[in-house]
Amino acid sequence: MKFSELRMRDVINIADGRRLGLICDLELDVQHGRVCALIVPGPARFFGLFGRERDYVIAWDDIVKIGEDVILVDVPSYARSA
């Protein structure tokens, strides 16, 4: 699978059903030729005027399923507390 194909998919956290966004980057282990994590930009602050919050770094092990349109992840620490 190409990185360009991954970038076109929404990342959904199954811990709370929230859409985290689209992948903007990958964290790679070049020595072993593996993907370590997906990086999704954090949400914008106050209509985007004050930048963004911290990026979501999702470990490869937290990926539940890579589908045709979405990537399902299970990251309870990114779930909103109600």
C-alpha atoms as a PDB file:
ATOM      1  CA  MET A   1       0.000   0.000   0.000  1.00  0.00           C
ATOM      2  CA  LYS A   2       1.260   3.467  -0.865  1.00  0.00           C
ATOM      3  CA  PHE A   3       1.372   6.360   1.580  1.00  0.00           C
ATOM      4  CA  SER A   4      -0.749   8.416  -0.821  1.00  0.00           C
ATOM      5  CA  GLU A   5      -3.508   5.788  -0.465  1.00  0.00           C
ATOM      6  CA  LEU A   6      -3.366   6.007   3.348  1.00  0.00           C
ATOM      7  CA  ARG A   7      -3.605   9.807   3.325  1.00  0.00           C
ATOM      8  CA  MET A   8      -7.030   9.684   1.679  1.00  0.00           C
ATOM      9  CA  ARG A   9      -8.659   7.780   4.561  1.00  0.00           C
ATOM     10  CA  ASP A  10     -10.366   9.134   7.655  1.00  0.00           C
ATOM     11  CA  VAL A  11      -9.039   7.957  11.015  1.00  0.00           C
ATOM     12  CA  ILE A  12     -11.828   6.990  13.441  1.00  0.00           C
ATOM     13  CA  ASN A  13     -11.247   6.247  17.129  1.00  0.00           C
ATOM     14  CA  ILE A  14     -13.491   3.323  18.109  1.00  0.00           C
ATOM     15  CA  ALA A  15     -13.083   4.197  21.807  1.00  0.00           C
ATOM     16  CA  ASP A  16     -15.589   7.067  21.342  1.00  0.00           C
ATOM     17  CA  GLY A  17     -16.535   6.966  17.630  1.00  0.00           C
ATOM     18  CA  ARG A  18     -14.892  10.323  16.962  1.00  0.00           C
ATOM     19  CA  ARG A  19     -13.242  11.244  13.673  1.00  0.00           C
ATOM     20  CA  LEU A  20      -9.642  12.247  14.362  1.00  0.00           C
ATOM     21  CA  GLY A  21      -8.876  13.454  10.833  1.00  0.00           C
ATOM     22  CA  LEU A  22      -6.737  12.495   7.863  1.00  0.00           C
ATOM     23  CA  ILE A  23      -3.184  11.167   8.089  1.00  0.00           C
ATOM     24  CA  CYS A  24      -0.568  13.836   7.432  1.00  0.00           C
ATOM     25  CA  ASP A  25       2.621  11.878   8.126  1.00  0.00           C
ATOM     26  CA  LEU A  26       4.117   8.559   9.163  1.00  0.00           C
ATOM     27  CA  GLU A  27       6.733   7.728  11.772  1.00  0.00           C
ATOM     28  CA  LEU A  28       9.131   5.181  10.278  1.00  0.00           C
ATOM     29  CA  ASP A  29      11.758   2.816  11.634  1.00  0.00           C
ATOM     30  CA  VAL A  30      14.198   2.966   8.730  1.00  0.00           C
ATOM     31  CA  GLN A  31      16.566   0.378  10.183  1.00  0.00           C
ATOM     32  CA  HIS A  32      13.865  -2.296  10.158  1.00  0.00           C
ATOM     33  CA  GLY A  33      11.732  -0.889   7.325  1.00  0.00           C
ATOM     34  CA  ARG A  34       8.544  -0.579   9.407  1.00  0.00           C
ATOM     35  CA  VAL A  35       5.861   1.987  10.040  1.00  0.00           C
ATOM     36  CA  CYS A  36       5.847   2.829  13.767  1.00  0.00           C
ATOM     37  CA  ALA A  37       2.980   5.323  13.931  1.00  0.00           C
ATOM     38  CA  LEU A  38       0.457   7.387  12.006  1.00  0.00           C
ATOM     39  CA  ILE A  39       0.404  11.126  12.615  1.00  0.00           C
ATOM     40  CA  VAL A  40      -2.885  13.023  12.371  1.00  0.00           C
ATOM     41  CA  PRO A  41      -2.990  16.817  12.841  1.00  0.00           C
ATOM     42  CA  GLY A  42      -4.653  17.935  16.063  1.00  0.00           C
ATOM     43  CA  PRO A  43      -7.899  19.918  16.030  1.00  0.00           C
ATOM     44  CA  ALA A  44      -7.793  23.635  15.237  1.00  0.00           C
ATOM     45  CA  ARG A  45      -8.143  26.090  18.107  1.00  0.00           C
ATOM     46  CA  PHE A  46     -10.801  28.825  18.010  1.00  0.00           C
ATOM     47  CA  PHE A  47     -11.675  28.807  14.297  1.00  0.00           C
ATOM     48  CA  GLY A  48      -8.040  28.157  13.366  1.00  0.00           C
ATOM     49  CA  LEU A  49      -6.876  31.589  14.521  1.00  0.00           C
ATOM     50  CA  PHE A  50      -4.628  30.303  17.305  1.00  0.00           C
ATOM     51  CA  GLY A  51      -3.012  27.359  15.551  1.00  0.00           C
ATOM     52  CA  ARG A  52      -3.651  23.725  16.329  1.00  0.00           C
ATOM     53  CA  GLU A  53      -3.552  21.476  19.333  1.00  0.00           C
ATOM     54  CA  ARG A  54      -0.929  18.732  19.525  1.00  0.00           C
ATOM     55  CA  ASP A  55      -0.896  16.156  16.748  1.00  0.00           C
ATOM     56  CA  TYR A  56      -2.297  12.692  17.371  1.00  0.00           C
ATOM     57  CA  VAL A  57       0.481  10.087  17.201  1.00  0.00           C
ATOM     58  CA  ILE A  58      -1.172   6.704  16.795  1.00  0.00           C
ATOM     59  CA  ALA A  59       1.041   3.653  17.278  1.00  0.00           C
ATOM     60  CA  TRP A  60       0.833   0.992  14.575  1.00  0.00           C
ATOM     61  CA  ASP A  61      -0.293  -1.511  17.221  1.00  0.00           C
ATOM     62  CA  ASP A  62      -3.358   0.661  17.985  1.00  0.00           C
ATOM     63  CA  ILE A  63      -4.731   0.218  14.448  1.00  0.00           C
ATOM     64  CA  VAL A  64      -7.716  -2.131  14.491  1.00  0.00           C
ATOM     65  CA  LYS A  65      -8.593  -2.207  10.774  1.00  0.00           C
ATOM     66  CA  ILE A  66      -7.574  -0.477   7.566  1.00  0.00           C
ATOM     67  CA  GLY A  67     -10.617  -0.340   5.310  1.00  0.00           C
ATOM     68  CA  GLU A  68     -11.275   1.107   1.878  1.00  0.00           C
ATOM     69  CA  ASP A  69     -12.465   4.470   3.241  1.00  0.00           C
ATOM     70  CA  VAL A  70     -11.456   4.597   6.913  1.00  0.00           C
ATOM     71  CA  ILE A  71      -8.806   3.474   9.351  1.00  0.00           C
ATOM     72  CA  LEU A  72     -10.180   2.310  12.692  1.00  0.00           C
ATOM     73  CA  VAL A  73      -7.966   2.830  15.728  1.00  0.00           C
ATOM     74  CA  ASP A  74      -8.455   2.093  19.420  1.00  0.00           C
ATOM     75  CA  VAL A  75      -6.821   4.857  21.455  1.00  0.00           C
ATOM     76  CA  PRO A  76      -8.733   5.416  24.728  1.00  0.00           C
ATOM     77  CA  SER A  77      -6.364   8.228  25.736  1.00  0.00           C
ATOM     78  CA  TYR A  78      -7.661  10.340  22.797  1.00  0.00           C
ATOM     79  CA  ALA A  79     -11.316   9.666  23.662  1.00  0.00           C
ATOM     80  CA  ARG A  80     -13.268  12.626  24.985  1.00  0.00           C
ATOM     81  CA  SER A  81     -14.412  12.260  28.544  1.00  0.00           C
ATOM     82  CA  ALA A  82     -18.131  12.923  28.825  1.00  0.00           C
END
